[in-house]
Amino acid sequence: MKRILTALILILAVFALIFFGQLWMITLAAAIVAELATYEYLKLAAVGAESHGAQLRIPIWWMALGTALAFVVTLPNFPVEAQLPVLSAITLALFAWNGFRAPLIQVLPDTAQGLFGLIWIAYPLTLIPLLWKKEDGPALVVFLMVCVWAGDIAALYIGRAFGKHKLAPRLSPGKTWEGSIASIIGSILAAALVVWIGDLLTIRGNLLLHITEPLWQTLILAGILNIAAQLGDLLESAVKRGAGVKDSGTMLPGHGGILDRIDALLLATPVLWFVLLLKDTFSLGRF
């Protein structure tokens, strides 16, 4: 019950932001989630370093500042080209910090882990407000969230009930091929439901969930996003297993940590962004 209540509250909060929020609200919410998730990441990385007899030297202030700057440069007043120079500058700052404070053998690993935290967590979440402010942005974000959530739910319940063949036992012993296949089907069915609801709303003059691309493209995209989401989930499991922990944290009752809940989104979001770039580049039409 605790898990269900937490999930319902989070889902309602996300949909309220998507449909009734402003761009600054979406950006602020994504930034807060990113700050909390990168904090959990630092703890995981520190535990992993300690298990190998080392000490991680990535200051919390640096990770918090780097995450905040990743969102600042996505604001309308900043050009898209500013993202890479800012990321380079804060990485070099960490490099210099570690160079003068850490044992020489730890300078490169610590700097690399800091950069990875920003690329893995902060950057994908900066794409959420960028997606939202696109044409048909709310429909895009809803489609993304529904595909990820539906796949996760289908994998959980079908995998538990019928799963027999392990998917990746070294990374996540509980995941099965049956659950994985059910996850893909669940995302595709959920995508079809979003299209159907969007069409009903469009008939009544409400374009909030309007999707213009052919249905077959939408269903293929749902399958691609699901595969990316499952891979994101497995990769976070690899990080946790490397650190020897079950959950990334305890911030969400019944769900573990923030990172546990957004791991699938961290890979699915950049994949959706890349697909949209391809559609624009080759004039394949709008979403």
C-alpha atoms as a PDB file:
ATOM      1  CA  MET A   1       0.000   0.000   0.000  1.00  0.00           C
ATOM      2  CA  LYS A   2       2.860   2.380   0.795  1.00  0.00           C
ATOM      3  CA  ARG A   3       4.346   1.726  -2.641  1.00  0.00           C
ATOM      4  CA  ILE A   4       1.000   2.318  -4.385  1.00  0.00           C
ATOM      5  CA  LEU A   5       0.251   5.543  -2.489  1.00  0.00           C
ATOM      6  CA  THR A   6       3.703   6.938  -3.232  1.00  0.00           C
ATOM      7  CA  ALA A   7       3.303   6.086  -6.915  1.00  0.00           C
ATOM      8  CA  LEU A   8      -0.149   7.704  -7.114  1.00  0.00           C
ATOM      9  CA  ILE A   9       1.078  10.919  -5.497  1.00  0.00           C
ATOM     10  CA  LEU A  10       4.054  11.102  -7.843  1.00  0.00           C
ATOM     11  CA  ILE A  11       1.959  10.404 -10.950  1.00  0.00           C
ATOM     12  CA  LEU A  12      -0.615  13.047 -10.006  1.00  0.00           C
ATOM     13  CA  ALA A  13       2.140  15.578  -9.322  1.00  0.00           C
ATOM     14  CA  VAL A  14       3.822  14.875 -12.672  1.00  0.00           C
ATOM     15  CA  PHE A  15       0.586  15.161 -14.667  1.00  0.00           C
ATOM     16  CA  ALA A  16      -0.382  18.355 -12.824  1.00  0.00           C
ATOM     17  CA  LEU A  17       2.954  19.884 -13.796  1.00  0.00           C
ATOM     18  CA  ILE A  18       2.700  18.746 -17.418  1.00  0.00           C
ATOM     19  CA  PHE A  19      -0.830  20.037 -18.003  1.00  0.00           C
ATOM     20  CA  PHE A  20      -1.063  23.033 -15.660  1.00  0.00           C
ATOM     21  CA  GLY A  21       2.525  24.078 -15.003  1.00  0.00           C
ATOM     22  CA  GLN A  22       4.699  26.739 -16.578  1.00  0.00           C
ATOM     23  CA  LEU A  23       8.123  26.225 -18.123  1.00  0.00           C
ATOM     24  CA  TRP A  24       9.897  27.542 -15.026  1.00  0.00           C
ATOM     25  CA  MET A  25       7.946  25.075 -12.866  1.00  0.00           C
ATOM     26  CA  ILE A  26       8.876  22.127 -15.087  1.00  0.00           C
ATOM     27  CA  THR A  27      12.518  23.237 -15.092  1.00  0.00           C
ATOM     28  CA  LEU A  28      12.607  23.744 -11.320  1.00  0.00           C
ATOM     29  CA  ALA A  29      10.964  20.374 -10.630  1.00  0.00           C
ATOM     30  CA  ALA A  30      13.378  18.559 -12.968  1.00  0.00           C
ATOM     31  CA  ALA A  31      16.331  20.380 -11.378  1.00  0.00           C
ATOM     32  CA  ILE A  32      15.250  19.396  -7.846  1.00  0.00           C
ATOM     33  CA  VAL A  33      14.885  15.756  -8.895  1.00  0.00           C
ATOM     34  CA  ALA A  34      18.318  15.930 -10.546  1.00  0.00           C
ATOM     35  CA  GLU A  35      19.920  17.418  -7.426  1.00  0.00           C
ATOM     36  CA  LEU A  36      18.469  14.682  -5.214  1.00  0.00           C
ATOM     37  CA  ALA A  37      19.422  11.936  -7.674  1.00  0.00           C
ATOM     38  CA  THR A  38      23.003  13.181  -8.061  1.00  0.00           C
ATOM     39  CA  TYR A  39      23.300  13.287  -4.270  1.00  0.00           C
ATOM     40  CA  GLU A  40      22.275   9.628  -4.163  1.00  0.00           C
ATOM     41  CA  TYR A  41      24.754   8.938  -6.954  1.00  0.00           C
ATOM     42  CA  LEU A  42      27.569  10.481  -4.897  1.00  0.00           C
ATOM     43  CA  LYS A  43      26.715   8.199  -1.990  1.00  0.00           C
ATOM     44  CA  LEU A  44      26.683   5.144  -4.270  1.00  0.00           C
ATOM     45  CA  ALA A  45      30.021   6.119  -5.816  1.00  0.00           C
ATOM     46  CA  ALA A  46      31.525   6.709  -2.365  1.00  0.00           C
ATOM     47  CA  VAL A  47      30.402   3.275  -1.138  1.00  0.00           C
ATOM     48  CA  GLY A  48      31.826   1.673  -4.269  1.00  0.00           C
ATOM     49  CA  ALA A  49      35.157   3.448  -3.790  1.00  0.00           C
ATOM     50  CA  GLU A  50      35.354   2.416  -0.135  1.00  0.00           C
ATOM     51  CA  SER A  51      34.769  -1.219  -1.064  1.00  0.00           C
ATOM     52  CA  HIS A  52      38.001  -0.999  -3.095  1.00  0.00           C
ATOM     53  CA  GLY A  53      39.941   0.711  -0.338  1.00  0.00           C
ATOM     54  CA  ALA A  54      39.722   4.201  -1.856  1.00  0.00           C
ATOM     55  CA  GLN A  55      38.009   7.451  -0.913  1.00  0.00           C
ATOM     56  CA  LEU A  56      35.862   9.345  -3.392  1.00  0.00           C
ATOM     57  CA  ARG A  57      36.729  13.045  -3.610  1.00  0.00           C
ATOM     58  CA  ILE A  58      33.846  14.658  -5.463  1.00  0.00           C
ATOM     59  CA  PRO A  59      32.613  17.564  -3.313  1.00  0.00           C
ATOM     60  CA  ILE A  60      28.852  17.783  -2.824  1.00  0.00           C
ATOM     61  CA  TRP A  61      29.025  21.504  -3.604  1.00  0.00           C
ATOM     62  CA  TRP A  62      30.621  20.739  -6.981  1.00  0.00           C
ATOM     63  CA  MET A  63      27.953  18.213  -7.952  1.00  0.00           C
ATOM     64  CA  ALA A  64      25.169  20.550  -6.802  1.00  0.00           C
ATOM     65  CA  LEU A  65      26.680  23.474  -8.713  1.00  0.00           C
ATOM     66  CA  GLY A  66      27.312  21.412 -11.847  1.00  0.00           C
ATOM     67  CA  THR A  67      23.751  20.081 -11.831  1.00  0.00           C
ATOM     68  CA  ALA A  68      22.313  23.567 -11.352  1.00  0.00           C
ATOM     69  CA  LEU A  69      24.425  24.997 -14.191  1.00  0.00           C
ATOM     70  CA  ALA A  70      23.283  22.185 -16.485  1.00  0.00           C
ATOM     71  CA  PHE A  71      19.734  23.515 -16.079  1.00  0.00           C
ATOM     72  CA  VAL A  72      20.665  27.204 -16.146  1.00  0.00           C
ATOM     73  CA  VAL A  73      22.129  26.926 -19.650  1.00  0.00           C
ATOM     74  CA  THR A  74      18.857  25.425 -20.943  1.00  0.00           C
ATOM     75  CA  LEU A  75      16.935  28.609 -20.081  1.00  0.00           C
ATOM     76  CA  PRO A  76      15.676  30.677 -23.038  1.00  0.00           C
ATOM     77  CA  ASN A  77      18.365  33.365 -22.640  1.00  0.00           C
ATOM     78  CA  PHE A  78      21.169  30.861 -23.222  1.00  0.00           C
ATOM     79  CA  PRO A  79      22.059  29.342 -26.610  1.00  0.00           C
ATOM     80  CA  VAL A  80      22.109  25.560 -26.923  1.00  0.00           C
ATOM     81  CA  GLU A  81      25.811  25.801 -27.801  1.00  0.00           C
ATOM     82  CA  ALA A  82      26.554  26.923 -24.228  1.00  0.00           C
ATOM     83  CA  GLN A  83      25.953  23.446 -22.775  1.00  0.00           C
ATOM     84  CA  LEU A  84      29.247  21.853 -23.855  1.00  0.00           C
ATOM     85  CA  PRO A  85      31.531  24.754 -22.771  1.00  0.00           C
ATOM     86  CA  VAL A  86      29.830  24.901 -19.363  1.00  0.00           C
ATOM     87  CA  LEU A  87      30.118  21.138 -18.919  1.00  0.00           C
ATOM     88  CA  SER A  88      33.807  21.321 -19.910  1.00  0.00           C
ATOM     89  CA  ALA A  89      34.482  24.209 -17.527  1.00  0.00           C
ATOM     90  CA  ILE A  90      32.966  22.576 -14.454  1.00  0.00           C
ATOM     91  CA  THR A  91      34.703  19.270 -15.279  1.00  0.00           C
ATOM     92  CA  LEU A  92      38.063  21.023 -15.535  1.00  0.00           C
ATOM     93  CA  ALA A  93      37.319  22.735 -12.229  1.00  0.00           C
ATOM     94  CA  LEU A  94      36.818  19.327 -10.596  1.00  0.00           C
ATOM     95  CA  PHE A  95      39.969  18.076 -12.331  1.00  0.00           C
ATOM     96  CA  ALA A  96      41.972  20.932 -10.793  1.00  0.00           C
ATOM     97  CA  TRP A  97      40.363  20.434  -7.374  1.00  0.00           C
ATOM     98  CA  ASN A  98      41.249  16.746  -7.340  1.00  0.00           C
ATOM     99  CA  GLY A  99      44.701  17.388  -8.801  1.00  0.00           C
ATOM    100  CA  PHE A 100      45.736  19.418  -5.767  1.00  0.00           C
ATOM    101  CA  ARG A 101      43.811  17.521  -3.076  1.00  0.00           C
ATOM    102  CA  ALA A 102      43.502  13.848  -4.002  1.00  0.00           C
ATOM    103  CA  PRO A 103      46.129  11.114  -4.215  1.00  0.00           C
ATOM    104  CA  LEU A 104      47.458  11.120  -7.763  1.00  0.00           C
ATOM    105  CA  ILE A 105      46.084   7.656  -8.449  1.00  0.00           C
ATOM    106  CA  GLN A 106      42.573   8.958  -7.687  1.00  0.00           C
ATOM    107  CA  VAL A 107      42.661  12.158  -9.754  1.00  0.00           C
ATOM    108  CA  LEU A 108      41.435  10.615 -12.996  1.00  0.00           C
ATOM    109  CA  PRO A 109      38.852   8.157 -11.526  1.00  0.00           C
ATOM    110  CA  ASP A 110      37.296  10.806  -9.275  1.00  0.00           C
ATOM    111  CA  THR A 111      37.060  13.388 -12.063  1.00  0.00           C
ATOM    112  CA  ALA A 112      35.626  10.817 -14.458  1.00  0.00           C
ATOM    113  CA  GLN A 113      32.996   9.730 -11.934  1.00  0.00           C
ATOM    114  CA  GLY A 114      31.974  13.334 -11.368  1.00  0.00           C
ATOM    115  CA  LEU A 115      31.570  13.964 -15.095  1.00  0.00           C
ATOM    116  CA  PHE A 116      29.664  10.707 -15.497  1.00  0.00           C
ATOM    117  CA  GLY A 117      27.197  11.760 -12.804  1.00  0.00           C
ATOM    118  CA  LEU A 118      26.330  14.912 -14.749  1.00  0.00           C
ATOM    119  CA  ILE A 119      26.048  13.109 -18.094  1.00  0.00           C
ATOM    120  CA  TRP A 120      24.052  10.200 -16.678  1.00  0.00           C
ATOM    121  CA  ILE A 121      21.637  12.134 -14.449  1.00  0.00           C
ATOM    122  CA  ALA A 122      21.684  15.911 -14.892  1.00  0.00           C
ATOM    123  CA  TYR A 123      21.825  16.138 -18.695  1.00  0.00           C
ATOM    124  CA  PRO A 124      18.914  13.734 -19.452  1.00  0.00           C
ATOM    125  CA  LEU A 125      16.677  15.566 -16.980  1.00  0.00           C
ATOM    126  CA  THR A 126      17.452  18.920 -18.606  1.00  0.00           C
ATOM    127  CA  LEU A 127      15.755  17.510 -21.703  1.00  0.00           C
ATOM    128  CA  ILE A 128      12.382  17.260 -19.931  1.00  0.00           C
ATOM    129  CA  PRO A 129      11.660  21.024 -19.974  1.00  0.00           C
ATOM    130  CA  LEU A 130      13.162  21.236 -23.472  1.00  0.00           C
ATOM    131  CA  LEU A 131      10.709  18.562 -24.639  1.00  0.00           C
ATOM    132  CA  TRP A 132       7.820  20.243 -22.840  1.00  0.00           C
ATOM    133  CA  LYS A 133       8.323  23.586 -24.570  1.00  0.00           C
ATOM    134  CA  LYS A 134       8.366  22.019 -28.054  1.00  0.00           C
ATOM    135  CA  GLU A 135       5.297  22.106 -30.271  1.00  0.00           C
ATOM    136  CA  ASP A 136       2.961  19.469 -28.809  1.00  0.00           C
ATOM    137  CA  GLY A 137       5.389  19.361 -25.880  1.00  0.00           C
ATOM    138  CA  PRO A 138       2.907  18.196 -23.200  1.00  0.00           C
ATOM    139  CA  ALA A 139       1.871  15.296 -25.448  1.00  0.00           C
ATOM    140  CA  LEU A 140       5.532  14.379 -25.903  1.00  0.00           C
ATOM    141  CA  VAL A 141       6.264  14.322 -22.177  1.00  0.00           C
ATOM    142  CA  VAL A 142       3.065  12.424 -21.369  1.00  0.00           C
ATOM    143  CA  PHE A 143       3.903   9.887 -24.080  1.00  0.00           C
ATOM    144  CA  LEU A 144       7.416   9.453 -22.637  1.00  0.00           C
ATOM    145  CA  MET A 145       6.224   9.026 -19.054  1.00  0.00           C
ATOM    146  CA  VAL A 146       3.382   6.659 -19.929  1.00  0.00           C
ATOM    147  CA  CYS A 147       5.641   4.433 -22.041  1.00  0.00           C
ATOM    148  CA  VAL A 148       8.184   4.167 -19.233  1.00  0.00           C
ATOM    149  CA  TRP A 149       5.652   3.642 -16.443  1.00  0.00           C
ATOM    150  CA  ALA A 150       3.458   1.166 -18.328  1.00  0.00           C
ATOM    151  CA  GLY A 151       6.471  -0.925 -19.275  1.00  0.00           C
ATOM    152  CA  ASP A 152       7.702  -0.939 -15.692  1.00  0.00           C
ATOM    153  CA  ILE A 153       4.318  -2.035 -14.333  1.00  0.00           C
ATOM    154  CA  ALA A 154       3.880  -4.771 -16.952  1.00  0.00           C
ATOM    155  CA  ALA A 155       7.377  -6.120 -16.320  1.00  0.00           C
ATOM    156  CA  LEU A 156       6.816  -6.162 -12.555  1.00  0.00           C
ATOM    157  CA  TYR A 157       3.545  -8.071 -12.490  1.00  0.00           C
ATOM    158  CA  ILE A 158       3.948 -10.337 -15.512  1.00  0.00           C
ATOM    159  CA  GLY A 159       7.544 -11.087 -14.583  1.00  0.00           C
ATOM    160  CA  ARG A 160       6.565 -12.076 -11.064  1.00  0.00           C
ATOM    161  CA  ALA A 161       3.679 -14.231 -12.213  1.00  0.00           C
ATOM    162  CA  PHE A 162       5.186 -15.955 -15.247  1.00  0.00           C
ATOM    163  CA  GLY A 163       8.905 -15.161 -15.345  1.00  0.00           C
ATOM    164  CA  LYS A 164      11.178 -18.201 -15.592  1.00  0.00           C
ATOM    165  CA  HIS A 165      14.067 -17.248 -17.865  1.00  0.00           C
ATOM    166  CA  LYS A 166      16.563 -14.782 -16.395  1.00  0.00           C
ATOM    167  CA  LEU A 167      17.241 -11.683 -18.475  1.00  0.00           C
ATOM    168  CA  ALA A 168      20.522 -10.485 -16.947  1.00  0.00           C
ATOM    169  CA  PRO A 169      21.184 -12.438 -13.738  1.00  0.00           C
ATOM    170  CA  ARG A 170      24.551 -10.770 -13.133  1.00  0.00           C
ATOM    171  CA  LEU A 171      22.979  -7.307 -13.092  1.00  0.00           C
ATOM    172  CA  SER A 172      19.442  -7.936 -11.846  1.00  0.00           C
ATOM    173  CA  PRO A 173      18.525 -11.503 -10.846  1.00  0.00           C
ATOM    174  CA  GLY A 174      14.823 -10.682 -10.552  1.00  0.00           C
ATOM    175  CA  LYS A 175      14.321  -9.615 -14.165  1.00  0.00           C
ATOM    176  CA  THR A 176      13.166 -12.179 -16.719  1.00  0.00           C
ATOM    177  CA  TRP A 177      12.702 -12.375 -20.469  1.00  0.00           C
ATOM    178  CA  GLU A 178       8.977 -12.883 -19.918  1.00  0.00           C
ATOM    179  CA  GLY A 179       8.804  -9.654 -17.939  1.00  0.00           C
ATOM    180  CA  SER A 180      10.910  -7.838 -20.532  1.00  0.00           C
ATOM    181  CA  ILE A 181       8.664  -8.875 -23.417  1.00  0.00           C
ATOM    182  CA  ALA A 182       5.573  -7.964 -21.374  1.00  0.00           C
ATOM    183  CA  SER A 183       7.173  -4.576 -20.711  1.00  0.00           C
ATOM    184  CA  ILE A 184       7.549  -3.846 -24.430  1.00  0.00           C
ATOM    185  CA  ILE A 185       3.958  -4.919 -25.114  1.00  0.00           C
ATOM    186  CA  GLY A 186       2.733  -2.832 -22.174  1.00  0.00           C
ATOM    187  CA  SER A 187       4.455   0.301 -23.486  1.00  0.00           C
ATOM    188  CA  ILE A 188       3.066  -0.212 -26.986  1.00  0.00           C
ATOM    189  CA  LEU A 189      -0.486  -0.712 -25.675  1.00  0.00           C
ATOM    190  CA  ALA A 190      -0.136   2.335 -23.435  1.00  0.00           C
ATOM    191  CA  ALA A 191       1.082   4.391 -26.402  1.00  0.00           C
ATOM    192  CA  ALA A 192      -1.954   3.288 -28.409  1.00  0.00           C
ATOM    193  CA  LEU A 193      -4.166   4.361 -25.506  1.00  0.00           C
ATOM    194  CA  VAL A 194      -2.525   7.806 -25.420  1.00  0.00           C
ATOM    195  CA  VAL A 195      -3.140   8.185 -29.171  1.00  0.00           C
ATOM    196  CA  TRP A 196      -6.769   7.118 -28.786  1.00  0.00           C
ATOM    197  CA  ILE A 197      -7.395   9.560 -25.936  1.00  0.00           C
ATOM    198  CA  GLY A 198      -5.613  12.283 -27.901  1.00  0.00           C
ATOM    199  CA  ASP A 199      -7.829  11.645 -30.924  1.00  0.00           C
ATOM    200  CA  LEU A 200     -10.974  11.842 -28.767  1.00  0.00           C
ATOM    201  CA  LEU A 201      -9.836  15.137 -27.276  1.00  0.00           C
ATOM    202  CA  THR A 202      -8.944  16.489 -30.741  1.00  0.00           C
ATOM    203  CA  ILE A 203     -12.440  15.727 -32.023  1.00  0.00           C
ATOM    204  CA  ARG A 204     -13.778  17.862 -29.174  1.00  0.00           C
ATOM    205  CA  GLY A 205     -11.404  20.697 -30.050  1.00  0.00           C
ATOM    206  CA  ASN A 206      -8.802  20.020 -27.343  1.00  0.00           C
ATOM    207  CA  LEU A 207      -5.314  19.660 -28.859  1.00  0.00           C
ATOM    208  CA  LEU A 208      -3.532  19.005 -25.571  1.00  0.00           C
ATOM    209  CA  LEU A 209      -2.643  15.393 -26.513  1.00  0.00           C
ATOM    210  CA  HIS A 210      -2.652  15.856 -30.269  1.00  0.00           C
ATOM    211  CA  ILE A 211      -0.251  13.487 -32.083  1.00  0.00           C
ATOM    212  CA  THR A 212       0.103  13.963 -35.837  1.00  0.00           C
ATOM    213  CA  GLU A 213       2.488  11.179 -36.840  1.00  0.00           C
ATOM    214  CA  PRO A 214       1.093   7.865 -38.189  1.00  0.00           C
ATOM    215  CA  LEU A 215       0.069   5.343 -35.550  1.00  0.00           C
ATOM    216  CA  TRP A 216       2.659   2.791 -36.684  1.00  0.00           C
ATOM    217  CA  GLN A 217       5.461   5.310 -36.078  1.00  0.00           C
ATOM    218  CA  THR A 218       4.135   6.054 -32.597  1.00  0.00           C
ATOM    219  CA  LEU A 219       3.980   2.358 -31.705  1.00  0.00           C
ATOM    220  CA  ILE A 220       7.519   1.725 -32.999  1.00  0.00           C
ATOM    221  CA  LEU A 221       8.740   4.716 -30.990  1.00  0.00           C
ATOM    222  CA  ALA A 222       7.049   3.301 -27.885  1.00  0.00           C
ATOM    223  CA  GLY A 223       8.917   0.009 -28.367  1.00  0.00           C
ATOM    224  CA  ILE A 224      12.243   1.835 -28.821  1.00  0.00           C
ATOM    225  CA  LEU A 225      11.683   3.926 -25.691  1.00  0.00           C
ATOM    226  CA  ASN A 226      10.784   0.820 -23.715  1.00  0.00           C
ATOM    227  CA  ILE A 227      13.995  -0.966 -24.715  1.00  0.00           C
ATOM    228  CA  ALA A 228      15.978   2.138 -23.743  1.00  0.00           C
ATOM    229  CA  ALA A 229      14.114   2.310 -20.418  1.00  0.00           C
ATOM    230  CA  GLN A 230      14.836  -1.347 -19.626  1.00  0.00           C
ATOM    231  CA  LEU A 231      18.502  -0.835 -20.435  1.00  0.00           C
ATOM    232  CA  GLY A 232      18.567   2.224 -18.175  1.00  0.00           C
ATOM    233  CA  ASP A 233      17.096   0.155 -15.351  1.00  0.00           C
ATOM    234  CA  LEU A 234      19.702  -2.585 -15.831  1.00  0.00           C
ATOM    235  CA  LEU A 235      22.580  -0.090 -15.925  1.00  0.00           C
ATOM    236  CA  GLU A 236      21.496   1.444 -12.621  1.00  0.00           C
ATOM    237  CA  SER A 237      21.369  -2.080 -11.192  1.00  0.00           C
ATOM    238  CA  ALA A 238      24.962  -2.524 -12.328  1.00  0.00           C
ATOM    239  CA  VAL A 239      25.981   0.621 -10.433  1.00  0.00           C
ATOM    240  CA  LYS A 240      24.153  -0.516  -7.298  1.00  0.00           C
ATOM    241  CA  ARG A 241      25.584  -4.020  -7.442  1.00  0.00           C
ATOM    242  CA  GLY A 242      29.045  -2.580  -7.897  1.00  0.00           C
ATOM    243  CA  ALA A 243      28.487  -0.566  -4.715  1.00  0.00           C
ATOM    244  CA  GLY A 244      26.934  -3.551  -2.933  1.00  0.00           C
ATOM    245  CA  VAL A 245      23.589  -1.876  -2.140  1.00  0.00           C
ATOM    246  CA  LYS A 246      19.984  -2.810  -2.918  1.00  0.00           C
ATOM    247  CA  ASP A 247      18.484   0.676  -3.304  1.00  0.00           C
ATOM    248  CA  SER A 248      19.995   4.036  -4.200  1.00  0.00           C
ATOM    249  CA  GLY A 249      18.344   5.633  -1.164  1.00  0.00           C
ATOM    250  CA  THR A 250      15.243   5.820   1.033  1.00  0.00           C
ATOM    251  CA  MET A 251      13.638   9.103  -0.044  1.00  0.00           C
ATOM    252  CA  LEU A 252      10.535   7.490  -1.568  1.00  0.00           C
ATOM    253  CA  PRO A 253       8.543   5.236   0.807  1.00  0.00           C
ATOM    254  CA  GLY A 254       8.120   1.781  -0.707  1.00  0.00           C
ATOM    255  CA  HIS A 255      10.234   2.663  -3.746  1.00  0.00           C
ATOM    256  CA  GLY A 256      13.758   3.221  -2.457  1.00  0.00           C
ATOM    257  CA  GLY A 257      15.597   6.245  -3.784  1.00  0.00           C
ATOM    258  CA  ILE A 258      14.953   8.910  -6.393  1.00  0.00           C
ATOM    259  CA  LEU A 259      17.515   7.308  -8.698  1.00  0.00           C
ATOM    260  CA  ASP A 260      15.656   3.994  -8.464  1.00  0.00           C
ATOM    261  CA  ARG A 261      12.538   5.656  -9.866  1.00  0.00           C
ATOM    262  CA  ILE A 262      14.102   7.649 -12.680  1.00  0.00           C
ATOM    263  CA  ASP A 263      16.753   5.182 -13.888  1.00  0.00           C
ATOM    264  CA  ALA A 264      14.655   4.122 -16.901  1.00  0.00           C
ATOM    265  CA  LEU A 265      13.842   7.744 -17.729  1.00  0.00           C
ATOM    266  CA  LEU A 266      17.536   8.677 -17.793  1.00  0.00           C
ATOM    267  CA  LEU A 267      18.105   6.651 -20.944  1.00  0.00           C
ATOM    268  CA  ALA A 268      14.659   6.836 -22.528  1.00  0.00           C
ATOM    269  CA  THR A 269      14.616  10.656 -22.530  1.00  0.00           C
ATOM    270  CA  PRO A 270      17.839  11.164 -24.553  1.00  0.00           C
ATOM    271  CA  VAL A 271      16.672   8.440 -26.966  1.00  0.00           C
ATOM    272  CA  LEU A 272      13.388  10.301 -27.530  1.00  0.00           C
ATOM    273  CA  TRP A 273      15.311  13.561 -28.010  1.00  0.00           C
ATOM    274  CA  PHE A 274      17.598  11.881 -30.566  1.00  0.00           C
ATOM    275  CA  VAL A 275      14.645  10.399 -32.476  1.00  0.00           C
ATOM    276  CA  LEU A 276      13.038  13.842 -32.672  1.00  0.00           C
ATOM    277  CA  LEU A 277      16.302  15.290 -33.975  1.00  0.00           C
ATOM    278  CA  LEU A 278      16.395  12.592 -36.662  1.00  0.00           C
ATOM    279  CA  LYS A 279      12.807  13.352 -37.647  1.00  0.00           C
ATOM    280  CA  ASP A 280      13.645  17.050 -37.969  1.00  0.00           C
ATOM    281  CA  THR A 281      16.905  16.432 -39.848  1.00  0.00           C
ATOM    282  CA  PHE A 282      15.352  14.146 -42.445  1.00  0.00           C
ATOM    283  CA  SER A 283      11.977  15.936 -42.580  1.00  0.00           C
ATOM    284  CA  LEU A 284      10.066  12.904 -41.318  1.00  0.00           C
ATOM    285  CA  GLY A 285       7.259  14.996 -39.863  1.00  0.00           C
ATOM    286  CA  ARG A 286       6.179  16.120 -36.421  1.00  0.00           C
ATOM    287  CA  PHE A 287       5.421  13.923 -33.451  1.00  0.00           C
END
